[in-house]
């Protein structure tokens, strides 16, 4: 546990920046100032200085902050996120009562959330995992603890799911975790497994997953459905491992394909946030969970498969499987007439070429909706970036033998054509948000260790809060 709300002694963490450091030191004793200066502390972002008292115990910790918080990396949430692992094992609290660094309640809570995100470790498979590891704690106001824990637990859930190797995270394992989450929040869970997918008219999910020894399935979680609140439908791509199918991936591109269920991880993390903080909505979560494996029964390039929407799909490429499983789930989501459908998917390398690995690509069927979500990025420490749902590229998905092809042979605008494929299974009258996400940090940044990552989670939750908790 990285937090405490108990009334106990704690060490102040004081934010300073390069501009106000000198004036702050002028208010301190000379021994304090001499120590800071002798340690060459310049108050640069993410730099810190531990200041001892006369007994040699820690008196104060100064930490450097950005002078503006307009960018993703300079947001307050990341300001102390590295300290949870760097500081000695003591109890600390944030003290912003100095100079012009007085954060409001919301800003301080964000920084406190960042502390927990920075404390994250994935060490389940190390031999010393069960040995207790003492860690530094942050003292927080009890009234903020539920919100802090909800965010940290949501991020941790996403990270853990994505980081877990495929031999421990196949469709049946993802199902068990979704069941645990349902039980935790008194939600209803159901699933459709294997050949039942054909009986229940989910043929596209079955086609992609049928080659594996791990039966494909459609996971469904429903929460607060007896109310008259607006309905949010979350759909997440749950490809637990992606070989590419018969269109086999090269080994270097297959290496991290345990993360191809990152969309499923994101919707479970977002669902946890919604349910923990009791957003006044009804919630439906749909996860098509498959293993895109190779066997004698694997679906093939050139196959024509059915979908729940009664549209036939010609398989141009078996490595474009995510959109194939999502189309059945999106169709099912639309049958409930939700107020909004939001899907997360590790869908295309083209999106990574367009916006890099650290920015999710955002597609919406409404420009107003896209702008609203982008505006929700402010002060979250996250960024999502809209790409156009350019309908003129729809011709790239034309098929001479089926209603649509699952991929374009041209190879241009791949993130857009993938979104256009999904759009074919969305009612134009329903608000729809599609987030093409990496779900993986390729480098370490404060609060964001290398490996599985929740991306866009805070932005989308903030957008949902604004829409359903504080509607204008």
Protein backbone atom coordinates (compact mmCIF):
# COMPACT_ATOMS: atom_id res chain seq x y z
CA UNK A 1 0.00 0.00 0.00
CA UNK A 2 1.59 3.27 -1.15
CA UNK A 3 -0.79 5.60 0.72
CA UNK A 4 -2.00 6.28 4.24
CA UNK A 5 -4.69 8.58 5.58
CA UNK A 6 -3.77 7.96 9.21
CA UNK A 7 -2.89 10.84 11.50
CA UNK A 8 0.85 10.28 11.72
CA UNK A 9 4.11 12.15 11.44
CA UNK A 10 5.22 12.71 7.89
CA UNK A 11 7.94 14.47 5.93
CA UNK A 12 6.97 17.41 3.70
CA UNK A 13 7.53 17.20 -0.05
CA UNK A 14 7.86 20.78 -1.25
CA UNK A 15 7.59 21.73 -4.96
CA UNK A 16 9.95 24.42 -6.24
CA UNK A 17 11.06 25.45 -9.70
CA UNK A 18 14.15 27.06 -11.16
CA UNK A 19 12.62 30.53 -10.94
CA UNK A 20 11.44 30.54 -7.34
CA UNK A 21 14.13 28.36 -5.74
CA UNK A 22 16.30 31.32 -4.70
CA UNK A 23 13.40 33.22 -3.10
CA UNK A 24 12.29 30.05 -1.31
CA UNK A 25 15.76 29.48 0.14
CA UNK A 26 15.80 33.03 1.45
CA UNK A 27 12.94 32.06 3.77
CA UNK A 28 14.90 29.12 5.21
CA UNK A 29 17.71 28.85 7.75
CA UNK A 30 21.22 29.27 6.42
CA UNK A 31 22.12 25.64 7.16
CA UNK A 32 19.13 24.52 5.08
CA UNK A 33 20.11 26.74 2.15
CA UNK A 34 23.76 25.71 2.37
CA UNK A 35 22.80 22.04 2.22
CA UNK A 36 20.61 22.52 -0.86
CA UNK A 37 23.25 24.55 -2.67
CA UNK A 38 26.07 22.16 -1.73
CA UNK A 39 24.03 19.31 -3.27
CA UNK A 40 23.80 21.33 -6.49
CA UNK A 41 19.99 21.18 -6.48
CA UNK A 42 18.68 23.40 -9.28
CA UNK A 43 14.95 22.53 -9.00
CA UNK A 44 14.87 21.09 -12.49
CA UNK A 45 11.81 18.92 -13.23
CA UNK A 46 11.95 15.51 -11.50
CA UNK A 47 15.13 16.46 -9.59
CA UNK A 48 14.90 16.16 -5.82
CA UNK A 49 16.95 17.01 -2.74
CA UNK A 50 16.65 15.30 0.64
CA UNK A 51 17.42 17.80 3.42
CA UNK A 52 18.37 16.35 6.85
CA UNK A 53 17.81 17.89 10.27
CA UNK A 54 20.52 18.24 12.92
CA UNK A 55 20.04 14.61 13.96
CA UNK A 56 20.61 13.36 10.44
CA UNK A 57 16.97 12.35 9.91
CA UNK A 58 15.05 13.60 6.88
CA UNK A 59 13.59 17.04 7.55
CA UNK A 60 12.26 17.98 4.11
CA UNK A 61 12.36 16.85 0.50
CA UNK A 62 12.44 19.46 -2.24
CA UNK A 63 11.39 18.43 -5.72
CA UNK A 64 11.68 20.30 -8.98
CA UNK A 65 8.63 21.12 -11.07
CA UNK A 66 7.96 22.52 -14.52
CA UNK A 67 7.22 26.23 -14.67
CA UNK A 68 4.32 25.64 -17.02
CA UNK A 69 2.02 22.64 -17.21
CA UNK A 70 0.73 23.00 -20.75
CA UNK A 71 2.31 19.84 -22.09
CA UNK A 72 1.67 16.18 -21.44
CA UNK A 73 5.02 15.56 -19.77
CA UNK A 74 4.94 18.67 -17.58
CA UNK A 75 1.52 17.95 -16.06
CA UNK A 76 1.26 17.99 -12.27
CA UNK A 77 0.36 14.29 -12.18
CA UNK A 78 3.95 13.36 -13.04
CA UNK A 79 5.61 15.83 -10.65
CA UNK A 80 6.35 13.36 -7.81
CA UNK A 81 5.77 10.12 -9.67
CA UNK A 82 9.43 9.07 -9.56
CA UNK A 83 9.84 9.76 -5.85
CA UNK A 84 7.87 6.73 -4.64
CA UNK A 85 10.78 4.49 -5.66
CA UNK A 86 13.65 6.92 -5.07
CA UNK A 87 12.98 8.16 -1.54
CA UNK A 88 13.89 6.33 1.68
CA UNK A 89 11.12 4.25 3.26
CA UNK A 90 9.30 6.90 5.28
CA UNK A 91 5.89 8.58 5.24
CA UNK A 92 5.63 11.84 3.29
CA UNK A 93 3.03 14.46 2.47
CA UNK A 94 2.83 17.15 -0.21
CA UNK A 95 3.25 20.68 1.15
CA UNK A 96 2.33 23.32 -1.42
CA UNK A 97 1.89 26.24 0.94
CA UNK A 98 5.12 27.92 -0.14
CA UNK A 99 5.53 30.83 -2.54
CA UNK A 100 3.41 30.54 -5.69
CA UNK A 101 3.18 26.76 -5.78
CA UNK A 102 -0.11 26.45 -3.88
CA UNK A 103 -1.98 23.76 -5.81
CA UNK A 104 -5.72 23.45 -5.46
CA UNK A 105 -7.40 20.25 -4.22
CA UNK A 106 -7.77 18.80 -7.69
CA UNK A 107 -4.16 19.46 -8.64
CA UNK A 108 -2.83 17.99 -5.41
CA UNK A 109 -4.97 14.88 -5.91
CA UNK A 110 -3.51 14.49 -9.39
CA UNK A 111 0.02 14.60 -7.98
CA UNK A 112 -0.97 12.05 -5.35
CA UNK A 113 -2.31 9.75 -8.07
CA UNK A 114 1.01 10.13 -9.85
CA UNK A 115 2.82 8.88 -6.75
CA UNK A 116 0.98 5.56 -6.99
CA UNK A 117 1.55 5.28 -10.73
CA UNK A 118 5.26 5.79 -10.18
CA UNK A 119 5.35 3.08 -7.50
CA UNK A 120 4.13 0.44 -9.97
CA UNK A 121 6.16 -2.75 -10.34
CA UNK A 122 5.49 -5.89 -12.37
CA UNK A 123 7.32 -8.63 -10.53
CA UNK A 124 4.77 -11.47 -10.26
CA UNK A 125 7.14 -13.86 -11.96
CA UNK A 126 10.24 -13.09 -9.88
CA UNK A 127 11.23 -15.53 -7.17
CA UNK A 128 11.10 -12.91 -4.41
CA UNK A 129 7.57 -11.71 -5.34
CA UNK A 130 6.02 -13.03 -2.12
CA UNK A 131 8.66 -11.44 0.09
CA UNK A 132 7.37 -8.18 1.61
CA UNK A 133 9.00 -5.09 0.16
CA UNK A 134 8.77 -2.00 2.37
CA UNK A 135 8.05 1.14 0.40
CA UNK A 136 7.68 4.85 0.96
CA UNK A 137 4.14 6.00 1.74
CA UNK A 138 2.31 9.20 0.93
CA UNK A 139 -0.11 10.66 3.46
CA UNK A 140 -3.29 11.89 1.76
CA UNK A 141 -6.61 13.34 2.82
CA UNK A 142 -9.06 10.51 3.49
CA UNK A 143 -11.74 12.22 1.39
CA UNK A 144 -9.47 11.87 -1.67
CA UNK A 145 -8.42 8.28 -1.02
CA UNK A 146 -11.26 6.61 -2.92
CA UNK A 147 -10.56 8.64 -6.06
CA UNK A 148 -6.80 8.13 -5.79
CA UNK A 149 -7.15 4.37 -5.34
CA UNK A 150 -9.66 4.11 -8.19
CA UNK A 151 -7.24 5.69 -10.67
CA UNK A 152 -4.17 3.84 -9.44
CA UNK A 153 -6.03 0.51 -9.40
CA UNK A 154 -7.38 1.14 -12.92
CA UNK A 155 -3.92 1.89 -14.31
CA UNK A 156 -2.45 -1.07 -12.42
CA UNK A 157 -5.12 -3.38 -13.83
CA UNK A 158 -4.36 -2.29 -17.40
CA UNK A 159 -0.60 -2.53 -16.92
CA UNK A 160 -0.76 -5.94 -15.24
CA UNK A 161 -3.02 -7.40 -17.93
CA UNK A 162 -0.83 -6.14 -20.76
CA UNK A 163 2.43 -7.17 -19.08
CA UNK A 164 1.24 -10.69 -18.29
CA UNK A 165 2.65 -13.16 -20.85
CA UNK A 166 0.29 -14.99 -23.15
CA UNK A 167 0.83 -18.38 -21.50
CA UNK A 168 -0.84 -16.84 -18.44
CA UNK A 169 -3.32 -14.60 -20.27
CA UNK A 170 -5.37 -16.55 -22.78
CA UNK A 171 -9.13 -15.95 -23.35
CA UNK A 172 -10.10 -18.13 -20.40
CA UNK A 173 -7.71 -16.20 -18.11
CA UNK A 174 -9.08 -12.87 -19.31
CA UNK A 175 -12.54 -14.25 -18.59
CA UNK A 176 -11.62 -15.09 -14.98
CA UNK A 177 -10.28 -11.59 -14.39
CA UNK A 178 -13.40 -10.02 -15.88
CA UNK A 179 -15.49 -12.23 -13.58
CA UNK A 180 -13.49 -11.05 -10.56
CA UNK A 181 -14.01 -7.43 -11.56
CA UNK A 182 -17.74 -8.07 -12.00
CA UNK A 183 -18.00 -9.64 -8.55
CA UNK A 184 -16.05 -6.76 -6.99
CA UNK A 185 -18.59 -4.25 -8.30
CA UNK A 186 -21.76 -6.36 -8.11
CA UNK A 187 -22.03 -6.41 -11.90
CA UNK A 188 -23.42 -9.22 -14.06
CA UNK A 189 -21.01 -11.31 -16.11
CA UNK A 190 -21.73 -13.69 -18.97
CA UNK A 191 -19.75 -15.26 -21.80
CA UNK A 192 -20.32 -17.09 -25.05
CA UNK A 193 -17.64 -19.72 -25.74
CA UNK A 194 -16.42 -21.70 -28.75
CA UNK A 195 -19.07 -23.03 -31.13
CA UNK A 196 -21.73 -21.23 -29.09
CA UNK A 197 -20.48 -18.12 -30.89
CA UNK A 198 -21.89 -19.56 -34.12
CA UNK A 199 -25.19 -20.43 -32.43
CA UNK A 200 -25.42 -16.90 -31.02
CA UNK A 201 -24.58 -15.26 -34.38
CA UNK A 202 -21.05 -14.08 -33.61
CA UNK A 203 -19.33 -15.79 -36.55
CA UNK A 204 -16.47 -13.32 -37.09
CA UNK A 205 -15.15 -13.80 -33.54
CA UNK A 206 -15.34 -17.56 -34.02
CA UNK A 207 -13.53 -17.45 -37.37
CA UNK A 208 -10.49 -15.66 -35.96
CA UNK A 209 -10.21 -17.72 -32.78
CA UNK A 210 -11.21 -21.20 -33.92
CA UNK A 211 -7.65 -22.34 -34.77
CA UNK A 212 -6.45 -22.12 -31.17
CA UNK A 213 -6.63 -24.70 -28.41
CA UNK A 214 -7.90 -21.79 -26.31
CA UNK A 215 -11.54 -21.39 -27.29
CA UNK A 216 -12.59 -17.94 -28.51
CA UNK A 217 -15.27 -16.18 -26.50
CA UNK A 218 -17.31 -13.04 -26.11
CA UNK A 219 -17.11 -11.62 -22.58
CA UNK A 220 -19.89 -9.36 -21.35
CA UNK A 221 -20.12 -7.31 -18.16
CA UNK A 222 -23.23 -5.29 -17.31
CA UNK A 223 -23.48 -2.85 -14.41
CA UNK A 224 -26.33 -0.72 -13.03
CA UNK A 225 -28.58 -1.93 -15.85
CA UNK A 226 -31.76 -1.70 -13.75
CA UNK A 227 -31.46 2.08 -13.59
CA UNK A 228 -32.75 4.62 -16.09
CA UNK A 229 -29.32 6.21 -16.51
CA UNK A 230 -27.63 6.72 -19.92
CA UNK A 231 -25.96 3.62 -21.36
CA UNK A 232 -22.24 3.54 -22.15
CA UNK A 233 -20.98 0.61 -24.19
CA UNK A 234 -17.25 -0.17 -23.97
CA UNK A 235 -15.75 -2.57 -26.51
CA UNK A 236 -12.17 -3.81 -26.23
CA UNK A 237 -10.04 -5.86 -28.61
CA UNK A 238 -9.01 -8.98 -26.71
CA UNK A 239 -6.53 -10.72 -28.99
CA UNK A 240 -4.54 -12.48 -26.28
CA UNK A 241 -1.72 -13.29 -28.66
CA UNK A 242 -1.33 -12.41 -32.30
CA UNK A 243 0.91 -14.54 -34.49
CA UNK A 244 -0.54 -12.75 -37.51
CA UNK A 245 -2.28 -16.00 -38.45
CA UNK A 246 -1.30 -17.52 -41.78
CA UNK A 247 -0.01 -14.08 -42.79
CA UNK A 248 2.65 -14.68 -40.15
CA UNK A 249 4.33 -11.75 -38.45
CA UNK A 250 8.15 -11.51 -38.58
CA UNK A 251 9.62 -12.46 -35.21
CA UNK A 252 10.55 -8.92 -34.17
CA UNK A 253 6.95 -7.78 -34.67
CA UNK A 254 5.57 -10.81 -32.84
CA UNK A 255 7.79 -10.37 -29.78
CA UNK A 256 5.41 -8.15 -27.80
CA UNK A 257 2.12 -9.46 -29.14
CA UNK A 258 1.05 -10.40 -25.62
CA UNK A 259 -0.04 -6.74 -25.59
CA UNK A 260 -2.57 -7.25 -28.39
CA UNK A 261 -5.30 -7.59 -25.77
CA UNK A 262 -4.48 -4.05 -24.66
CA UNK A 263 -7.87 -2.79 -25.82
CA UNK A 264 -9.61 -5.29 -23.55
CA UNK A 265 -7.33 -4.24 -20.69
CA UNK A 266 -8.25 -0.59 -21.27
CA UNK A 267 -12.01 -1.12 -21.20
CA UNK A 268 -11.71 -3.20 -18.03
CA UNK A 269 -9.61 -0.44 -16.43
CA UNK A 270 -12.08 2.21 -17.55
CA UNK A 271 -14.99 0.10 -16.32
CA UNK A 272 -13.28 -0.18 -12.93
CA UNK A 273 -13.00 3.62 -12.78
CA UNK A 274 -16.64 4.13 -13.76
CA UNK A 275 -17.92 1.59 -11.24
CA UNK A 276 -15.56 2.60 -8.40
CA UNK A 277 -16.45 6.28 -8.67
CA UNK A 278 -20.11 5.47 -9.35
CA UNK A 279 -20.57 7.52 -12.47
CA UNK A 280 -24.37 7.82 -12.96
CA UNK A 281 -24.58 5.61 -16.04
CA UNK A 282 -25.46 2.10 -17.10
CA UNK A 283 -22.43 0.22 -18.32
CA UNK A 284 -21.98 -2.54 -20.86
CA UNK A 285 -18.52 -4.00 -21.51
CA UNK A 286 -17.98 -6.32 -24.48
CA UNK A 287 -14.69 -8.11 -25.11
CA UNK A 288 -14.13 -10.47 -28.02
CA UNK A 289 -11.32 -12.63 -26.61
CA UNK A 290 -9.35 -14.81 -29.03
CA UNK A 291 -5.92 -16.28 -29.70
CA UNK A 292 -4.97 -15.64 -33.35
CA UNK A 293 -3.16 -18.93 -33.78
CA UNK A 294 -2.19 -21.19 -36.68
CA UNK A 295 -3.51 -24.69 -37.26
CA UNK A 296 -5.24 -26.69 -39.99
CA UNK A 297 -8.46 -24.84 -39.16
CA UNK A 298 -7.01 -21.33 -39.24
CA UNK A 299 -8.91 -18.79 -41.29
CA UNK A 300 -7.14 -18.00 -44.55
CA UNK A 301 -6.42 -15.08 -46.88
CA UNK A 302 -9.21 -15.07 -49.44
CA UNK A 303 -11.79 -16.61 -47.11
CA UNK A 304 -15.21 -14.97 -47.01
CA UNK A 305 -16.75 -14.93 -43.54
CA UNK A 306 -20.10 -13.89 -42.15
CA UNK A 307 -20.66 -11.26 -39.48
CA UNK A 308 -23.41 -10.49 -37.00
CA UNK A 309 -24.39 -7.50 -39.13
CA UNK A 310 -25.13 -9.82 -42.09
CA UNK A 311 -22.28 -8.29 -44.06
CA UNK A 312 -19.79 -10.65 -45.66
CA UNK A 313 -16.09 -9.96 -45.25
CA UNK A 314 -13.32 -11.06 -47.59
CA UNK A 315 -10.14 -11.72 -45.65
CA UNK A 316 -7.37 -9.81 -47.37
CA UNK A 317 -4.93 -10.33 -44.49
CA UNK A 318 -5.22 -12.60 -41.46
CA UNK A 319 -3.05 -10.17 -39.49
CA UNK A 320 -5.88 -7.62 -39.66
CA UNK A 321 -7.81 -9.77 -37.20
CA UNK A 322 -8.60 -7.19 -34.53
CA UNK A 323 -11.13 -5.36 -36.65
CA UNK A 324 -12.72 -8.69 -37.59
CA UNK A 325 -13.45 -9.68 -33.99
CA UNK A 326 -14.46 -6.13 -33.09
CA UNK A 327 -17.08 -5.86 -35.83
CA UNK A 328 -19.30 -8.51 -34.22
CA UNK A 329 -18.90 -6.92 -30.78
CA UNK A 330 -19.65 -3.43 -32.11
CA UNK A 331 -22.78 -4.70 -33.84
CA UNK A 332 -23.92 -6.34 -30.59
CA UNK A 333 -23.20 -3.12 -28.68
CA UNK A 334 -25.37 -1.13 -31.07
CA UNK A 335 -28.32 -3.45 -30.52
CA UNK A 336 -28.69 -2.04 -27.00
CA UNK A 337 -29.11 1.52 -28.36
CA UNK A 338 -26.36 3.00 -26.17
CA UNK A 339 -25.82 6.72 -25.76
CA UNK A 340 -22.22 6.22 -26.82
CA UNK A 341 -19.96 3.36 -27.93
CA UNK A 342 -16.26 3.62 -27.08
CA UNK A 343 -13.79 1.05 -28.31
CA UNK A 344 -10.11 0.66 -27.48
CA UNK A 345 -7.86 -1.46 -29.68
CA UNK A 346 -4.20 -2.06 -30.41
CA UNK A 347 -5.35 -1.96 -33.98
CA UNK A 348 -2.73 -0.68 -36.43
CA UNK A 349 0.96 -0.04 -36.82
CA UNK A 350 -0.13 2.76 -39.14
CA UNK A 351 -1.41 4.75 -36.16
CA UNK A 352 2.02 4.42 -34.54
CA UNK A 353 3.63 5.73 -37.72
CA UNK A 354 1.20 8.66 -37.71
CA UNK A 355 1.39 9.76 -34.06
CA UNK A 356 4.13 7.62 -32.52
CA UNK A 357 3.89 5.12 -29.69
CA UNK A 358 2.92 7.48 -26.87
CA UNK A 359 -0.18 9.16 -28.35
CA UNK A 360 -3.38 7.20 -29.00
CA UNK A 361 -5.05 7.99 -32.32
CA UNK A 362 -8.65 9.14 -31.92
CA UNK A 363 -11.46 8.60 -34.44
CA UNK A 364 -15.05 9.78 -33.97
CA UNK A 365 -18.10 9.87 -36.18
CA UNK A 366 -18.68 13.47 -35.10
CA UNK A 367 -16.24 16.38 -35.28
CA UNK A 368 -17.88 17.96 -32.25
CA UNK A 369 -17.35 14.78 -30.26
CA UNK A 370 -13.71 14.60 -31.36
CA UNK A 371 -13.08 18.21 -30.29
CA UNK A 372 -14.74 17.65 -26.91
CA UNK A 373 -12.54 14.65 -26.18
CA UNK A 374 -9.38 16.42 -27.26
CA UNK A 375 -10.26 19.34 -24.96
CA UNK A 376 -10.59 16.85 -22.09
CA UNK A 377 -6.84 16.18 -22.36
CA UNK A 378 -6.06 19.41 -20.50
CA UNK A 379 -4.22 18.85 -17.20
CA UNK A 380 -4.53 15.06 -17.36
CA UNK A 381 -0.93 14.34 -18.35
CA UNK A 382 -2.28 12.40 -21.32
CA UNK A 383 -2.83 13.24 -24.96
CA UNK A 384 -5.06 11.70 -27.60
CA UNK A 385 -4.95 13.04 -31.13
CA UNK A 386 -7.74 13.02 -33.72
CA UNK A 387 -7.24 11.55 -37.17
CA UNK A 388 -9.88 12.01 -39.86
CA UNK A 389 -12.51 9.40 -40.56
CA UNK A 390 -12.02 10.16 -44.24
CA UNK A 391 -14.83 8.38 -46.06
CA UNK A 392 -13.23 8.90 -49.46
CA UNK A 393 -10.76 6.15 -48.50
CA UNK A 394 -13.60 3.63 -48.14
CA UNK A 395 -12.95 2.43 -51.70
CA UNK A 396 -9.77 0.75 -50.44
CA UNK A 397 -11.95 -1.79 -48.63
CA UNK A 398 -14.02 -2.69 -51.67
CA UNK A 399 -14.25 -6.38 -52.51
CA UNK A 400 -15.40 -7.89 -55.79
CA UNK A 401 -16.69 -11.02 -54.05
CA UNK A 402 -17.94 -9.81 -50.63
CA UNK A 403 -19.56 -6.78 -49.04
CA UNK A 404 -16.23 -5.51 -47.68
CA UNK A 405 -12.59 -6.54 -47.34
CA UNK A 406 -10.91 -6.56 -43.95
CA UNK A 407 -7.83 -4.66 -45.15
CA UNK A 408 -6.59 -2.50 -47.97
CA UNK A 409 -4.09 -3.80 -50.49
CA UNK A 410 -2.80 -0.25 -51.03
CA UNK A 411 -1.24 0.15 -47.57
CA UNK A 412 -1.82 3.89 -47.32
CA UNK A 413 -3.74 5.50 -44.46
CA UNK A 414 -3.93 2.20 -42.63
CA UNK A 415 -5.26 3.61 -39.35
CA UNK A 416 -8.00 5.42 -41.26
CA UNK A 417 -9.06 2.45 -43.35
CA UNK A 418 -9.16 0.28 -40.21
CA UNK A 419 -11.43 2.85 -38.55
CA UNK A 420 -13.57 2.98 -41.71
CA UNK A 421 -13.96 -0.79 -41.54
CA UNK A 422 -15.24 -0.53 -37.95
CA UNK A 423 -17.49 2.38 -38.92
CA UNK A 424 -19.36 0.00 -41.26
CA UNK A 425 -20.73 -1.71 -38.15
CA UNK A 426 -21.82 1.45 -36.30
CA UNK A 427 -25.25 3.09 -36.57
CA UNK A 428 -24.53 6.63 -37.77
CA UNK A 429 -27.02 7.97 -35.21
CA UNK A 430 -24.97 6.59 -32.31
CA UNK A 431 -21.98 8.53 -30.99
CA UNK A 432 -18.89 6.41 -31.53
CA UNK A 433 -15.31 6.81 -30.30
CA UNK A 434 -12.50 4.58 -31.58
CA UNK A 435 -9.10 4.75 -29.91
CA UNK A 436 -6.17 3.08 -31.66
CA UNK A 437 -3.66 2.66 -28.84
CA UNK A 438 -0.15 1.29 -28.40
CA UNK A 439 -0.74 0.14 -24.79
CA UNK A 440 3.02 -0.11 -24.32
CA UNK A 441 5.74 2.28 -23.18
CA UNK A 442 8.87 1.77 -25.25
CA UNK A 443 10.90 3.87 -22.78
CA UNK A 444 10.77 4.89 -19.13
CA UNK A 445 9.33 8.28 -18.21
CA UNK A 446 8.44 9.53 -14.73
CA UNK A 447 5.41 7.56 -13.58
CA UNK A 448 5.32 5.57 -16.81
CA UNK A 449 7.69 2.58 -16.69
CA UNK A 450 8.64 0.66 -19.79
CA UNK A 451 6.05 -2.01 -20.58
CA UNK A 452 2.27 -2.21 -20.54
CA UNK A 453 0.51 1.11 -20.16
CA UNK A 454 -2.93 2.67 -19.89
CA UNK A 455 -3.14 5.41 -22.51
CA UNK A 456 -6.03 7.83 -22.81
CA UNK A 457 -7.79 6.37 -19.76
CA UNK A 458 -7.85 9.61 -17.76
CA UNK A 459 -8.89 11.62 -20.81
CA UNK A 460 -11.85 9.40 -21.62
CA UNK A 461 -12.98 9.22 -18.00
CA UNK A 462 -12.77 13.01 -17.72
CA UNK A 463 -14.81 13.31 -20.92
CA UNK A 464 -17.42 10.90 -19.52
CA UNK A 465 -17.56 12.87 -16.26
CA UNK A 466 -18.15 16.08 -18.15
CA UNK A 467 -20.82 14.50 -20.30
CA UNK A 468 -22.74 12.43 -17.75
CA UNK A 469 -21.89 13.87 -14.32
CA UNK A 470 -21.83 17.58 -15.11
CA UNK A 471 -23.85 17.97 -18.33
CA UNK A 472 -24.30 21.54 -19.50
